[in-house]
Protein backbone atom coordinates (compact mmCIF):
# COMPACT_ATOMS: atom_id res chain seq x y z
CA UNK A 1 177.85 -22.34 -61.87
CA UNK A 2 177.74 -23.89 -65.44
CA UNK A 3 175.52 -26.48 -66.83
CA UNK A 4 175.57 -29.92 -65.07
CA UNK A 5 177.90 -32.23 -66.96
CA UNK A 6 176.41 -35.78 -67.70
CA UNK A 7 178.87 -38.54 -68.37
CA UNK A 8 179.08 -39.69 -71.75
CA UNK A 9 177.48 -43.23 -72.13
CA UNK A 10 179.83 -46.11 -71.96
CA UNK A 11 180.49 -47.93 -75.11
CA UNK A 12 181.02 -51.11 -72.95
CA UNK A 13 177.48 -52.61 -72.20
CA UNK A 14 179.00 -54.55 -69.26
CA UNK A 15 180.24 -50.99 -67.87
CA UNK A 16 176.96 -49.32 -68.65
CA UNK A 17 175.24 -52.02 -66.71
CA UNK A 18 177.30 -51.48 -63.85
CA UNK A 19 177.01 -47.91 -63.78
CA UNK A 20 172.97 -48.22 -64.17
CA UNK A 21 173.04 -50.86 -61.36
CA UNK A 22 174.91 -48.19 -59.10
CA UNK A 23 172.72 -45.53 -60.13
CA UNK A 24 169.46 -47.69 -58.99
CA UNK A 25 168.45 -47.69 -62.76
CA UNK A 26 167.23 -51.24 -62.46
CA UNK A 27 165.62 -51.36 -65.92
CA UNK A 28 168.51 -49.93 -67.80
CA UNK A 29 170.78 -52.20 -66.28
CA UNK A 30 168.48 -55.13 -67.38
CA UNK A 31 168.41 -53.80 -70.87
CA UNK A 32 172.20 -53.58 -71.05
CA UNK A 33 172.60 -57.06 -70.17
CA UNK A 34 169.35 -58.75 -71.78
CA UNK A 35 171.24 -60.27 -74.80
CA UNK A 36 174.63 -60.90 -72.80
CA UNK A 37 173.41 -63.57 -70.37
CA UNK A 38 175.90 -65.98 -72.18
CA UNK A 39 178.68 -64.07 -70.22
CA UNK A 40 178.67 -64.95 -66.67
CA UNK A 41 179.47 -61.20 -65.19
CA UNK A 42 176.50 -59.66 -67.36
CA UNK A 43 174.14 -62.45 -66.23
CA UNK A 44 175.15 -61.96 -62.61
CA UNK A 45 174.42 -58.01 -63.18
CA UNK A 46 171.23 -58.94 -64.93
CA UNK A 47 170.02 -61.16 -62.00
CA UNK A 48 170.90 -58.32 -59.39
CA UNK A 49 169.18 -55.55 -61.27
CA UNK A 50 166.04 -57.90 -61.79
CA UNK A 51 166.25 -58.72 -58.05
CA UNK A 52 165.05 -55.11 -57.30
CA UNK A 53 161.87 -55.51 -59.37
CA UNK A 54 161.12 -59.16 -58.87
CA UNK A 55 162.97 -61.19 -56.42
CA UNK A 56 161.35 -64.43 -57.05
CA UNK A 57 161.94 -64.12 -60.98
CA UNK A 58 165.44 -63.15 -60.05
CA UNK A 59 165.96 -66.14 -57.90
CA UNK A 60 164.68 -68.45 -60.65
CA UNK A 61 166.76 -66.91 -63.27
CA UNK A 62 169.89 -66.94 -60.79
CA UNK A 63 169.47 -70.67 -60.46
CA UNK A 64 169.45 -71.24 -64.32
CA UNK A 65 172.26 -68.97 -64.68
CA UNK A 66 174.42 -70.84 -62.15
CA UNK A 67 173.51 -74.19 -63.66
CA UNK A 68 174.86 -72.80 -67.16
CA UNK A 69 177.90 -71.28 -65.56
CA UNK A 70 178.69 -73.63 -62.94
CA UNK A 71 182.37 -72.33 -62.43
CA UNK A 72 181.39 -68.58 -62.09
CA UNK A 73 181.48 -67.66 -58.48
CA UNK A 74 179.80 -64.27 -58.72
CA UNK A 75 176.80 -66.04 -60.19
CA UNK A 76 176.53 -68.58 -57.47
CA UNK A 77 177.16 -65.66 -54.96
CA UNK A 78 174.30 -63.65 -56.46
CA UNK A 79 172.00 -66.90 -56.23
CA UNK A 80 173.23 -67.38 -52.55
CA UNK A 81 172.29 -63.89 -51.54
CA UNK A 82 168.71 -63.94 -53.03
CA UNK A 83 168.00 -67.20 -51.58
CA UNK A 84 169.23 -65.89 -48.34
CA UNK A 85 166.77 -62.91 -48.90
CA UNK A 86 163.84 -65.12 -49.40
CA UNK A 87 164.72 -67.02 -46.12
CA UNK A 88 165.76 -70.21 -47.83
CA UNK A 89 168.86 -70.83 -45.50
CA UNK A 90 169.68 -74.39 -46.57
CA UNK A 91 169.61 -73.57 -50.09
CA UNK A 92 171.67 -70.57 -49.75
CA UNK A 93 174.24 -72.25 -47.75
CA UNK A 94 174.81 -74.80 -50.31
CA UNK A 95 175.04 -72.15 -52.85
CA UNK A 96 177.31 -69.93 -50.77
CA UNK A 97 179.77 -73.10 -50.05
CA UNK A 98 179.70 -73.34 -53.84
CA UNK A 99 181.33 -69.93 -54.14
CA UNK A 100 183.96 -70.54 -51.33
CA UNK A 101 184.84 -73.81 -53.08
CA UNK A 102 185.17 -72.23 -56.49
CA UNK A 103 187.39 -69.22 -54.81
CA UNK A 104 188.61 -69.50 -51.35
CA UNK A 105 190.00 -65.92 -51.29
CA UNK A 106 186.55 -64.27 -51.35
CA UNK A 107 186.33 -62.80 -48.06
CA UNK A 108 182.76 -61.50 -48.62
CA UNK A 109 181.61 -64.94 -49.50
CA UNK A 110 183.08 -66.29 -46.09
CA UNK A 111 181.26 -63.46 -44.21
CA UNK A 112 178.16 -64.03 -46.01
CA UNK A 113 178.43 -67.68 -45.15
CA UNK A 114 179.02 -66.81 -41.51
CA UNK A 115 175.81 -64.65 -41.66
CA UNK A 116 173.84 -67.67 -43.17
CA UNK A 117 175.16 -70.15 -40.50
CA UNK A 118 174.43 -67.71 -37.61
CA UNK A 119 170.76 -67.45 -38.78
CA UNK A 120 170.62 -71.01 -38.72
CA UNK A 121 171.80 -71.58 -35.25
CA UNK A 122 175.37 -72.85 -36.21
CA UNK A 123 177.45 -70.47 -33.85
CA UNK A 124 180.67 -72.40 -34.33
CA UNK A 125 180.50 -72.70 -38.06
CA UNK A 126 179.55 -68.87 -38.18
CA UNK A 127 182.69 -67.96 -35.99
CA UNK A 128 184.97 -70.02 -38.49
CA UNK A 129 183.65 -68.41 -41.52
CA UNK A 130 183.67 -64.95 -39.74
CA UNK A 131 187.25 -65.42 -38.88
CA UNK A 132 188.32 -66.74 -42.26
CA UNK A 133 186.60 -63.34 -43.80
CA UNK A 134 188.38 -61.14 -41.17
CA UNK A 135 191.84 -62.88 -41.93
CA UNK A 136 191.45 -62.65 -45.65
CA UNK A 137 190.37 -59.22 -45.51
CA UNK A 138 193.15 -58.25 -43.08
CA UNK A 139 195.88 -59.53 -45.32
CA UNK A 140 194.73 -56.89 -47.97
CA UNK A 141 195.25 -53.12 -47.69
CA UNK A 142 192.46 -51.67 -45.64
CA UNK A 143 191.33 -49.36 -48.43
CA UNK A 144 191.43 -52.15 -51.18
CA UNK A 145 187.64 -52.54 -52.65
CA UNK A 146 187.05 -56.26 -52.04
CA UNK A 147 185.40 -58.49 -54.95
CA UNK A 148 181.71 -58.90 -54.64
CA UNK A 149 181.41 -56.29 -52.02
CA UNK A 150 179.66 -53.63 -53.96
CA UNK A 151 182.55 -51.05 -53.10
CA UNK A 152 183.39 -52.06 -49.43
CA UNK A 153 186.81 -51.83 -48.44
CA UNK A 154 189.02 -54.51 -46.78
CA UNK A 155 189.31 -52.60 -43.54
CA UNK A 156 185.59 -52.28 -43.21
CA UNK A 157 185.06 -56.00 -43.41
CA UNK A 158 187.80 -56.80 -41.08
CA UNK A 159 185.70 -54.51 -38.42
CA UNK A 160 182.43 -56.07 -39.56
CA UNK A 161 183.78 -59.56 -38.86
CA UNK A 162 185.19 -58.54 -35.59
CA UNK A 163 182.01 -57.16 -34.51
CA UNK A 164 180.19 -60.35 -35.47
CA UNK A 165 182.49 -62.39 -33.58
CA UNK A 166 182.17 -60.15 -30.44
CA UNK A 167 178.47 -60.37 -30.74
CA UNK A 168 178.62 -64.27 -30.91
CA UNK A 169 180.91 -64.35 -27.83
CA UNK A 170 178.19 -62.57 -25.96
CA UNK A 171 175.54 -64.97 -27.01
CA UNK A 172 174.45 -67.07 -24.21
CA UNK A 173 175.28 -70.53 -24.38
CA UNK A 174 177.79 -69.79 -27.33
CA UNK A 175 180.97 -71.96 -27.29
CA UNK A 176 184.03 -69.67 -27.05
CA UNK A 177 186.22 -69.42 -30.25
């Protein structure tokens, strides 16, 4: 075999940051987005990369970025997930509800809301959120990559939502959907 081919660096800093994040090169993703935090997509990538190095700092930055970009669903989503990682369920729930308010079509946000509500003991709210996630995903081609999903296809989210709904049905004391 010949020499290993290394892809040429992307001239687009945002694409370069996405590629670095996908490779697990957190510092490279941070550097590629450091001066672009005025752009909500770049800011979300910056926060995601930072979260792999310093979760607390990333959460504080995510709150700041969300305040500066109140209509950016992806920024609020990252903030919600970080709050969830820290076990701050009430704050995470509020942040993810902002995401579903900003864009009701984001199946991954509804699934995440279901997870938060389930952890918080709201089985009926979790069921509703998982059903919405399932139905939104089922309305798309099974192989379509869903927004905010880090590469997951719609069919996989349908299966995951169905699995969560089945688990909730088997939970003692759960109310049937």
